[in-house]
C-alpha atoms as a PDB file:
ATOM      1  CA  UNK A   1     102.524 106.588  82.669  1.00  0.00           C
ATOM      2  CA  UNK A   2     102.724 106.024  86.391  1.00  0.00           C
ATOM      3  CA  UNK A   3     102.704 109.770  87.083  1.00  0.00           C
ATOM      4  CA  UNK A   4      99.692 110.303  84.915  1.00  0.00           C
ATOM      5  CA  UNK A   5      97.800 107.635  86.828  1.00  0.00           C
ATOM      6  CA  UNK A   6      98.773 109.170  90.114  1.00  0.00           C
ATOM      7  CA  UNK A   7      97.688 112.714  88.939  1.00  0.00           C
ATOM      8  CA  UNK A   8      94.473 111.236  87.910  1.00  0.00           C
ATOM      9  CA  UNK A   9      93.776 109.523  91.127  1.00  0.00           C
ATOM     10  CA  UNK A  10      94.608 112.721  92.959  1.00  0.00           C
ATOM     11  CA  UNK A  11      92.324 114.698  90.608  1.00  0.00           C
ATOM     12  CA  UNK A  12      89.431 112.308  91.205  1.00  0.00           C
ATOM     13  CA  UNK A  13      90.029 112.304  94.906  1.00  0.00           C
ATOM     14  CA  UNK A  14      89.970 116.159  95.149  1.00  0.00           C
ATOM     15  CA  UNK A  15      87.029 116.673  92.688  1.00  0.00           C
ATOM     16  CA  UNK A  16      84.612 114.251  94.372  1.00  0.00           C
ATOM     17  CA  UNK A  17      86.024 114.485  97.919  1.00  0.00           C
ATOM     18  CA  UNK A  18      86.553 110.746  97.981  1.00  0.00           C
ATOM     19  CA  UNK A  19      88.608 108.547 100.321  1.00  0.00           C
ATOM     20  CA  UNK A  20      91.050 106.187  98.401  1.00  0.00           C
ATOM     21  CA  UNK A  21      92.425 102.767  99.763  1.00  0.00           C
ATOM     22  CA  UNK A  22      95.666 102.690  97.967  1.00  0.00           C
ATOM     23  CA  UNK A  23      97.734  99.525  98.405  1.00  0.00           C
ATOM     24  CA  UNK A  24     101.236  99.435  97.263  1.00  0.00           C
ATOM     25  CA  UNK A  25     104.806  97.871  98.036  1.00  0.00           C
ATOM     26  CA  UNK A  26     106.317 101.139  96.723  1.00  0.00           C
ATOM     27  CA  UNK A  27     106.495 103.573  99.816  1.00  0.00           C
ATOM     28  CA  UNK A  28     107.754 106.500  97.408  1.00  0.00           C
ATOM     29  CA  UNK A  29     104.582 106.237  95.459  1.00  0.00           C
ATOM     30  CA  UNK A  30     102.503 106.030  98.721  1.00  0.00           C
ATOM     31  CA  UNK A  31     104.240 109.178 100.044  1.00  0.00           C
ATOM     32  CA  UNK A  32     103.148 111.075  96.944  1.00  0.00           C
ATOM     33  CA  UNK A  33      99.473 110.202  96.868  1.00  0.00           C
ATOM     34  CA  UNK A  34      98.429 109.268 100.538  1.00  0.00           C
ATOM     35  CA  UNK A  35      97.576 111.439 103.489  1.00  0.00           C
ATOM     36  CA  UNK A  36      98.093 108.599 105.991  1.00  0.00           C
ATOM     37  CA  UNK A  37     100.153 105.357 105.747  1.00  0.00           C
ATOM     38  CA  UNK A  38      99.857 102.089 107.460  1.00  0.00           C
ATOM     39  CA  UNK A  39     102.999  99.905 107.305  1.00  0.00           C
ATOM     40  CA  UNK A  40     101.995  96.131 107.406  1.00  0.00           C
ATOM     41  CA  UNK A  41     103.846  92.760 107.092  1.00  0.00           C
ATOM     42  CA  UNK A  42     101.841  89.502 106.903  1.00  0.00           C
ATOM     43  CA  UNK A  43      98.764  91.326 108.143  1.00  0.00           C
ATOM     44  CA  UNK A  44     100.423  92.871 111.265  1.00  0.00           C
ATOM     45  CA  UNK A  45     100.412  96.498 111.604  1.00  0.00           C
ATOM     46  CA  UNK A  46     103.951  97.958 112.329  1.00  0.00           C
ATOM     47  CA  UNK A  47     103.188 101.466 112.147  1.00  0.00           C
ATOM     48  CA  UNK A  48     100.461 103.988 111.153  1.00  0.00           C
ATOM     49  CA  UNK A  49     100.238 107.717 111.045  1.00  0.00           C
ATOM     50  CA  UNK A  50     100.374 110.917 108.875  1.00  0.00           C
ATOM     51  CA  UNK A  51     102.339 110.210 105.737  1.00  0.00           C
ATOM     52  CA  UNK A  52     104.690 113.083 106.313  1.00  0.00           C
ATOM     53  CA  UNK A  53     105.468 111.751 109.725  1.00  0.00           C
ATOM     54  CA  UNK A  54     105.833 108.042 108.908  1.00  0.00           C
ATOM     55  CA  UNK A  55     108.090 109.026 105.931  1.00  0.00           C
ATOM     56  CA  UNK A  56     110.272 111.450 107.516  1.00  0.00           C
ATOM     57  CA  UNK A  57     110.585 110.034 111.102  1.00  0.00           C
ATOM     58  CA  UNK A  58     109.605 106.271 111.104  1.00  0.00           C
ATOM     59  CA  UNK A  59     109.328 104.843 114.516  1.00  0.00           C
ATOM     60  CA  UNK A  60     109.505 101.041 113.807  1.00  0.00           C
ATOM     61  CA  UNK A  61     112.710  99.220 112.404  1.00  0.00           C
ATOM     62  CA  UNK A  62     110.645  97.590 109.818  1.00  0.00           C
ATOM     63  CA  UNK A  63     109.399 100.863 108.403  1.00  0.00           C
ATOM     64  CA  UNK A  64     112.984 102.307 108.399  1.00  0.00           C
ATOM     65  CA  UNK A  65     114.098  99.154 106.529  1.00  0.00           C
ATOM     66  CA  UNK A  66     111.439  99.635 103.941  1.00  0.00           C
ATOM     67  CA  UNK A  67     112.334 103.267 103.383  1.00  0.00           C
ATOM     68  CA  UNK A  68     116.041 102.628 103.229  1.00  0.00           C
ATOM     69  CA  UNK A  69     115.409 100.031 100.634  1.00  0.00           C
ATOM     70  CA  UNK A  70     113.081 102.283  98.462  1.00  0.00           C
ATOM     71  CA  UNK A  71     114.687 103.457  95.254  1.00  0.00           C
ATOM     72  CA  UNK A  72     114.377 107.175  94.941  1.00  0.00           C
ATOM     73  CA  UNK A  73     113.598 107.734  98.747  1.00  0.00           C
ATOM     74  CA  UNK A  74     115.364 111.277  98.563  1.00  0.00           C
ATOM     75  CA  UNK A  75     112.716 112.735  96.134  1.00  0.00           C
ATOM     76  CA  UNK A  76     110.887 116.114  97.094  1.00  0.00           C
ATOM     77  CA  UNK A  77     108.202 115.116  99.558  1.00  0.00           C
ATOM     78  CA  UNK A  78     104.642 115.369  98.135  1.00  0.00           C
ATOM     79  CA  UNK A  79     105.645 115.921  94.467  1.00  0.00           C
ATOM     80  CA  UNK A  80     104.594 113.298  91.832  1.00  0.00           C
ATOM     81  CA  UNK A  81     107.618 112.368  89.563  1.00  0.00           C
END
């Protein structure tokens, strides 16, 4: 079901050339649907940038800790499960 919703969001985003604000605690999902990521905790931005860069070369220890804790973090980047 999650994969279907992500595919629908991506389709709508592409078809209508829309920007989408997607808020999640699951960085694996964010990496699949977002062009850019902002990592926050308690309203403080710790890291922001292109999804691929943040996901593959995180600069902040908090971002690295979140990615290390994410289940399925070794997926093929950019593919919907």
